[in-house]
Amino acid sequence: MIFIQVKALAGPNFVRANDVLAVQYTDREKCTIVLAGGVTLPCTEAATEIVARIEAAAAALAAPPA
């Protein structure tokens, strides 16, 4: 289980990377994260930044242990 930090409207939040279903682009520097269970989380950072963190977390989970 890997958590990523996102900048939500109310402050920093930590979400489980594998619970993210979608990242919706709403503005140049804003997006909405759709989580499992239908929860949405409005964020104050670009969607590309969040997607990069999710992809890095997925790669870390897929990597074999050292």
PDB file of N, CA and C in Angstrom:
ATOM      1  N   MET A   1       0.854  -1.166   0.000  1.00  0.00           N
ATOM      2  CA  MET A   1       0.000   0.000   0.000  1.00  0.00           C
ATOM      3  C   MET A   1       0.907   1.238   0.000  1.00  0.00           C
ATOM      4  N   ILE A   2       0.743   2.061  -1.014  1.00  0.00           N
ATOM      5  CA  ILE A   2       1.544   3.280  -1.137  1.00  0.00           C
ATOM      6  C   ILE A   2       0.612   4.482  -1.177  1.00  0.00           C
ATOM      7  N   PHE A   3       0.916   5.470  -0.347  1.00  0.00           N
ATOM      8  CA  PHE A   3       0.151   6.704  -0.313  1.00  0.00           C
ATOM      9  C   PHE A   3       0.891   7.784  -1.086  1.00  0.00           C
ATOM     10  N   ILE A   4       0.134   8.654  -1.741  1.00  0.00           N
ATOM     11  CA  ILE A   4       0.719   9.826  -2.380  1.00  0.00           C
ATOM     12  C   ILE A   4       0.097  11.069  -1.748  1.00  0.00           C
ATOM     13  N   GLN A   5       0.874  12.120  -1.682  1.00  0.00           N
ATOM     14  CA  GLN A   5       0.366  13.373  -1.124  1.00  0.00           C
ATOM     15  C   GLN A   5      -0.151  14.245  -2.257  1.00  0.00           C
ATOM     16  N   VAL A   6      -1.328  14.818  -2.035  1.00  0.00           N
ATOM     17  CA  VAL A   6      -1.916  15.753  -2.998  1.00  0.00           C
ATOM     18  C   VAL A   6      -2.306  17.026  -2.269  1.00  0.00           C
ATOM     19  N   LYS A   7      -2.303  18.128  -2.986  1.00  0.00           N
ATOM     20  CA  LYS A   7      -2.693  19.413  -2.414  1.00  0.00           C
ATOM     21  C   LYS A   7      -4.162  19.655  -2.711  1.00  0.00           C
ATOM     22  N   ALA A   8      -5.009  19.376  -1.734  1.00  0.00           N
ATOM     23  CA  ALA A   8      -6.441  19.574  -1.891  1.00  0.00           C
ATOM     24  C   ALA A   8      -6.793  21.015  -1.528  1.00  0.00           C
ATOM     25  N   LEU A   9      -8.031  21.394  -1.799  1.00  0.00           N
ATOM     26  CA  LEU A   9      -8.468  22.758  -1.485  1.00  0.00           C
ATOM     27  C   LEU A   9      -8.362  23.057   0.005  1.00  0.00           C
ATOM     28  N   ALA A  10      -8.583  22.048   0.849  1.00  0.00           N
ATOM     29  CA  ALA A  10      -8.542  22.253   2.300  1.00  0.00           C
ATOM     30  C   ALA A  10      -7.161  22.028   2.891  1.00  0.00           C
ATOM     31  N   GLY A  11      -6.180  21.662   2.080  1.00  0.00           N
ATOM     32  CA  GLY A  11      -4.829  21.409   2.569  1.00  0.00           C
ATOM     33  C   GLY A  11      -4.325  20.075   2.056  1.00  0.00           C
ATOM     34  N   PRO A  12      -3.163  19.652   2.535  1.00  0.00           N
ATOM     35  CA  PRO A  12      -2.590  18.398   2.040  1.00  0.00           C
ATOM     36  C   PRO A  12      -3.412  17.183   2.466  1.00  0.00           C
ATOM     37  N   ASN A  13      -3.519  16.221   1.563  1.00  0.00           N
ATOM     38  CA  ASN A  13      -4.196  14.959   1.819  1.00  0.00           C
ATOM     39  C   ASN A  13      -3.314  13.834   1.316  1.00  0.00           C
ATOM     40  N   PHE A  14      -3.506  12.670   1.903  1.00  0.00           N
ATOM     41  CA  PHE A  14      -2.794  11.473   1.467  1.00  0.00           C
ATOM     42  C   PHE A  14      -3.825  10.469   0.978  1.00  0.00           C
ATOM     43  N   VAL A  15      -3.638   9.980  -0.240  1.00  0.00           N
ATOM     44  CA  VAL A  15      -4.560   9.006  -0.816  1.00  0.00           C
ATOM     45  C   VAL A  15      -3.780   7.768  -1.233  1.00  0.00           C
ATOM     46  N   ARG A  16      -4.446   6.631  -1.170  1.00  0.00           N
ATOM     47  CA  ARG A  16      -3.809   5.393  -1.631  1.00  0.00           C
ATOM     48  C   ARG A  16      -3.768   5.416  -3.145  1.00  0.00           C
ATOM     49  N   ALA A  17      -2.603   5.234  -3.698  1.00  0.00           N
ATOM     50  CA  ALA A  17      -2.425   5.324  -5.148  1.00  0.00           C
ATOM     51  C   ALA A  17      -3.290   4.311  -5.886  1.00  0.00           C
ATOM     52  N   ASN A  18      -3.499   3.126  -5.314  1.00  0.00           N
ATOM     53  CA  ASN A  18      -4.290   2.120  -6.017  1.00  0.00           C
ATOM     54  C   ASN A  18      -5.795   2.359  -5.902  1.00  0.00           C
ATOM     55  N   ASP A  19      -6.235   3.356  -5.124  1.00  0.00           N
ATOM     56  CA  ASP A  19      -7.651   3.701  -5.027  1.00  0.00           C
ATOM     57  C   ASP A  19      -8.064   4.779  -6.025  1.00  0.00           C
ATOM     58  N   VAL A  20      -7.108   5.361  -6.735  1.00  0.00           N
ATOM     59  CA  VAL A  20      -7.420   6.425  -7.697  1.00  0.00           C
ATOM     60  C   VAL A  20      -7.967   5.794  -8.976  1.00  0.00           C
ATOM     61  N   LEU A  21      -9.191   6.186  -9.331  1.00  0.00           N
ATOM     62  CA  LEU A  21      -9.805   5.686 -10.556  1.00  0.00           C
ATOM     63  C   LEU A  21      -9.569   6.618 -11.732  1.00  0.00           C
ATOM     64  N   ALA A  22      -9.561   7.937 -11.460  1.00  0.00           N
ATOM     65  CA  ALA A  22      -9.395   8.916 -12.536  1.00  0.00           C
ATOM     66  C   ALA A  22      -8.882  10.229 -11.964  1.00  0.00           C
ATOM     67  N   VAL A  23      -8.246  10.999 -12.819  1.00  0.00           N
ATOM     68  CA  VAL A  23      -7.836  12.368 -12.492  1.00  0.00           C
ATOM     69  C   VAL A  23      -8.445  13.245 -13.574  1.00  0.00           C
ATOM     70  N   GLN A  24      -9.384  14.085 -13.178  1.00  0.00           N
ATOM     71  CA  GLN A  24     -10.104  14.928 -14.129  1.00  0.00           C
ATOM     72  C   GLN A  24      -9.474  16.312 -14.172  1.00  0.00           C
ATOM     73  N   TYR A  25      -9.136  16.739 -15.369  1.00  0.00           N
ATOM     74  CA  TYR A  25      -8.587  18.071 -15.595  1.00  0.00           C
ATOM     75  C   TYR A  25      -9.724  19.085 -15.498  1.00  0.00           C
ATOM     76  N   THR A  26      -9.591  20.095 -14.613  1.00  0.00           N
ATOM     77  CA  THR A  26     -10.625  21.118 -14.500  1.00  0.00           C
ATOM     78  C   THR A  26     -10.115  22.507 -14.873  1.00  0.00           C
ATOM     79  N   ASP A  27      -8.841  22.750 -14.667  1.00  0.00           N
ATOM     80  CA  ASP A  27      -8.231  24.042 -14.963  1.00  0.00           C
ATOM     81  C   ASP A  27      -6.733  23.796 -15.111  1.00  0.00           C
ATOM     82  N   ARG A  28      -5.991  24.801 -15.544  1.00  0.00           N
ATOM     83  CA  ARG A  28      -4.554  24.616 -15.754  1.00  0.00           C
ATOM     84  C   ARG A  28      -3.839  24.156 -14.488  1.00  0.00           C
ATOM     85  N   GLU A  29      -4.209  24.691 -13.357  1.00  0.00           N
ATOM     86  CA  GLU A  29      -3.569  24.342 -12.089  1.00  0.00           C
ATOM     87  C   GLU A  29      -4.525  23.688 -11.103  1.00  0.00           C
ATOM     88  N   LYS A  30      -5.618  23.110 -11.582  1.00  0.00           N
ATOM     89  CA  LYS A  30      -6.579  22.442 -10.713  1.00  0.00           C
ATOM     90  C   LYS A  30      -7.061  21.159 -11.369  1.00  0.00           C
ATOM     91  N   CYS A  31      -7.442  20.200 -10.533  1.00  0.00           N
ATOM     92  CA  CYS A  31      -8.007  18.959 -11.043  1.00  0.00           C
ATOM     93  C   CYS A  31      -8.871  18.333  -9.956  1.00  0.00           C
ATOM     94  N   THR A  32      -9.551  17.269 -10.309  1.00  0.00           N
ATOM     95  CA  THR A  32     -10.360  16.520  -9.362  1.00  0.00           C
ATOM     96  C   THR A  32      -9.945  15.057  -9.448  1.00  0.00           C
ATOM     97  N   ILE A  33      -9.684  14.462  -8.296  1.00  0.00           N
ATOM     98  CA  ILE A  33      -9.331  13.044  -8.232  1.00  0.00           C
ATOM     99  C   ILE A  33     -10.593  12.266  -7.897  1.00  0.00           C
ATOM    100  N   VAL A  34     -10.847  11.214  -8.673  1.00  0.00           N
ATOM    101  CA  VAL A  34     -11.977  10.332  -8.414  1.00  0.00           C
ATOM    102  C   VAL A  34     -11.418   9.060  -7.779  1.00  0.00           C
ATOM    103  N   LEU A  35     -11.887   8.771  -6.565  1.00  0.00           N
ATOM    104  CA  LEU A  35     -11.401   7.616  -5.819  1.00  0.00           C
ATOM    105  C   LEU A  35     -12.433   6.495  -5.829  1.00  0.00           C
ATOM    106  N   ALA A  36     -11.978   5.300  -5.489  1.00  0.00           N
ATOM    107  CA  ALA A  36     -12.883   4.158  -5.361  1.00  0.00           C
ATOM    108  C   ALA A  36     -13.957   4.495  -4.337  1.00  0.00           C
ATOM    109  N   GLY A  37     -15.157   4.056  -4.593  1.00  0.00           N
ATOM    110  CA  GLY A  37     -16.274   4.360  -3.702  1.00  0.00           C
ATOM    111  C   GLY A  37     -17.010   5.621  -4.086  1.00  0.00           C
ATOM    112  N   GLY A  38     -16.582   6.280  -5.160  1.00  0.00           N
ATOM    113  CA  GLY A  38     -17.278   7.466  -5.641  1.00  0.00           C
ATOM    114  C   GLY A  38     -16.880   8.770  -4.979  1.00  0.00           C
ATOM    115  N   VAL A  39     -15.841   8.754  -4.169  1.00  0.00           N
ATOM    116  CA  VAL A  39     -15.378   9.978  -3.502  1.00  0.00           C
ATOM    117  C   VAL A  39     -14.594  10.820  -4.496  1.00  0.00           C
ATOM    118  N   THR A  40     -14.855  12.129  -4.528  1.00  0.00           N
ATOM    119  CA  THR A  40     -14.074  13.043  -5.365  1.00  0.00           C
ATOM    120  C   THR A  40     -13.314  13.999  -4.468  1.00  0.00           C
ATOM    121  N   LEU A  41     -12.118  14.357  -4.897  1.00  0.00           N
ATOM    122  CA  LEU A  41     -11.240  15.212  -4.123  1.00  0.00           C
ATOM    123  C   LEU A  41     -10.729  16.345  -5.019  1.00  0.00           C
ATOM    124  N   PRO A  42     -11.236  17.574  -4.850  1.00  0.00           N
ATOM    125  CA  PRO A  42     -10.738  18.692  -5.654  1.00  0.00           C
ATOM    126  C   PRO A  42      -9.341  19.087  -5.193  1.00  0.00           C
ATOM    127  N   CYS A  43      -8.437  19.275  -6.147  1.00  0.00           N
ATOM    128  CA  CYS A  43      -7.043  19.581  -5.830  1.00  0.00           C
ATOM    129  C   CYS A  43      -6.599  20.886  -6.477  1.00  0.00           C
ATOM    130  N   THR A  44      -5.570  21.475  -5.885  1.00  0.00           N
ATOM    131  CA  THR A  44      -5.036  22.751  -6.374  1.00  0.00           C
ATOM    132  C   THR A  44      -3.677  22.566  -7.039  1.00  0.00           C
ATOM    133  N   GLU A  45      -3.522  21.478  -7.766  1.00  0.00           N
ATOM    134  CA  GLU A  45      -2.307  21.259  -8.540  1.00  0.00           C
ATOM    135  C   GLU A  45      -2.675  20.621  -9.869  1.00  0.00           C
ATOM    136  N   ALA A  46      -1.762  20.703 -10.799  1.00  0.00           N
ATOM    137  CA  ALA A  46      -2.029  20.228 -12.158  1.00  0.00           C
ATOM    138  C   ALA A  46      -2.230  18.718 -12.184  1.00  0.00           C
ATOM    139  N   ALA A  47      -3.116  18.267 -13.063  1.00  0.00           N
ATOM    140  CA  ALA A  47      -3.408  16.842 -13.194  1.00  0.00           C
ATOM    141  C   ALA A  47      -2.160  16.061 -13.590  1.00  0.00           C
ATOM    142  N   THR A  48      -1.312  16.642 -14.423  1.00  0.00           N
ATOM    143  CA  THR A  48      -0.104  15.931 -14.873  1.00  0.00           C
ATOM    144  C   THR A  48       0.838  15.624 -13.707  1.00  0.00           C
ATOM    145  N   GLU A  49       0.898  16.509 -12.717  1.00  0.00           N
ATOM    146  CA  GLU A  49       1.755  16.262 -11.550  1.00  0.00           C
ATOM    147  C   GLU A  49       1.237  15.084 -10.734  1.00  0.00           C
ATOM    148  N   ILE A  50      -0.069  15.018 -10.559  1.00  0.00           N
ATOM    149  CA  ILE A  50      -0.660  13.934  -9.777  1.00  0.00           C
ATOM    150  C   ILE A  50      -0.531  12.609 -10.519  1.00  0.00           C
ATOM    151  N   VAL A  51      -0.769  12.617 -11.815  1.00  0.00           N
ATOM    152  CA  VAL A  51      -0.642  11.398 -12.615  1.00  0.00           C
ATOM    153  C   VAL A  51       0.797  10.885 -12.572  1.00  0.00           C
ATOM    154  N   ALA A  52       1.773  11.773 -12.609  1.00  0.00           N
ATOM    155  CA  ALA A  52       3.175  11.354 -12.530  1.00  0.00           C
ATOM    156  C   ALA A  52       3.457  10.656 -11.198  1.00  0.00           C
ATOM    157  N   ARG A  53       2.895  11.171 -10.108  1.00  0.00           N
ATOM    158  CA  ARG A  53       3.088  10.536  -8.800  1.00  0.00           C
ATOM    159  C   ARG A  53       2.407   9.172  -8.726  1.00  0.00           C
ATOM    160  N   ILE A  54       1.228   9.065  -9.333  1.00  0.00           N
ATOM    161  CA  ILE A  54       0.514   7.784  -9.346  1.00  0.00           C
ATOM    162  C   ILE A  54       1.314   6.759 -10.152  1.00  0.00           C
ATOM    163  N   GLU A  55       1.841   7.165 -11.299  1.00  0.00           N
ATOM    164  CA  GLU A  55       2.636   6.255 -12.123  1.00  0.00           C
ATOM    165  C   GLU A  55       3.910   5.830 -11.412  1.00  0.00           C
ATOM    166  N   ALA A  56       4.541   6.741 -10.686  1.00  0.00           N
ATOM    167  CA  ALA A  56       5.743   6.389  -9.928  1.00  0.00           C
ATOM    168  C   ALA A  56       5.412   5.399  -8.817  1.00  0.00           C
ATOM    169  N   ALA A  57       4.277   5.580  -8.173  1.00  0.00           N
ATOM    170  CA  ALA A  57       3.847   4.657  -7.124  1.00  0.00           C
ATOM    171  C   ALA A  57       3.552   3.285  -7.713  1.00  0.00           C
ATOM    172  N   ALA A  58       2.922   3.236  -8.882  1.00  0.00           N
ATOM    173  CA  ALA A  58       2.622   1.962  -9.537  1.00  0.00           C
ATOM    174  C   ALA A  58       3.910   1.245  -9.939  1.00  0.00           C
ATOM    175  N   ALA A  59       4.894   1.991 -10.408  1.00  0.00           N
ATOM    176  CA  ALA A  59       6.173   1.405 -10.776  1.00  0.00           C
ATOM    177  C   ALA A  59       6.895   0.848  -9.547  1.00  0.00           C
ATOM    178  N   ALA A  60       6.774   1.545  -8.420  1.00  0.00           N
ATOM    179  CA  ALA A  60       7.399   1.079  -7.186  1.00  0.00           C
ATOM    180  C   ALA A  60       6.755  -0.211  -6.710  1.00  0.00           C
ATOM    181  N   LEU A  61       5.442  -0.332  -6.894  1.00  0.00           N
ATOM    182  CA  LEU A  61       4.763  -1.571  -6.500  1.00  0.00           C
ATOM    183  C   LEU A  61       5.131  -2.729  -7.410  1.00  0.00           C
ATOM    184  N   ALA A  62       5.350  -2.442  -8.697  1.00  0.00           N
ATOM    185  CA  ALA A  62       5.653  -3.493  -9.660  1.00  0.00           C
ATOM    186  C   ALA A  62       7.106  -3.944  -9.607  1.00  0.00           C
ATOM    187  N   ALA A  63       7.979  -3.120  -9.059  1.00  0.00           N
ATOM    188  CA  ALA A  63       9.408  -3.438  -9.019  1.00  0.00           C
ATOM    189  C   ALA A  63       9.656  -4.588  -8.043  1.00  0.00           C
ATOM    190  N   PRO A  64      10.519  -5.511  -8.419  1.00  0.00           N
ATOM    191  CA  PRO A  64      10.824  -6.615  -7.506  1.00  0.00           C
ATOM    192  C   PRO A  64      11.623  -6.111  -6.299  1.00  0.00           C
ATOM    193  N   PRO A  65      11.444  -6.712  -5.138  1.00  0.00           N
ATOM    194  CA  PRO A  65      12.200  -6.269  -3.959  1.00  0.00           C
ATOM    195  C   PRO A  65      13.694  -6.509  -4.151  1.00  0.00           C
ATOM    196  N   ALA A  66      14.478  -5.629  -3.581  1.00  0.00           N
ATOM    197  CA  ALA A  66      15.938  -5.705  -3.739  1.00  0.00           C
ATOM    198  C   ALA A  66      16.542  -6.780  -2.870  1.00  0.00           C
TER     199      ALA A  66
END
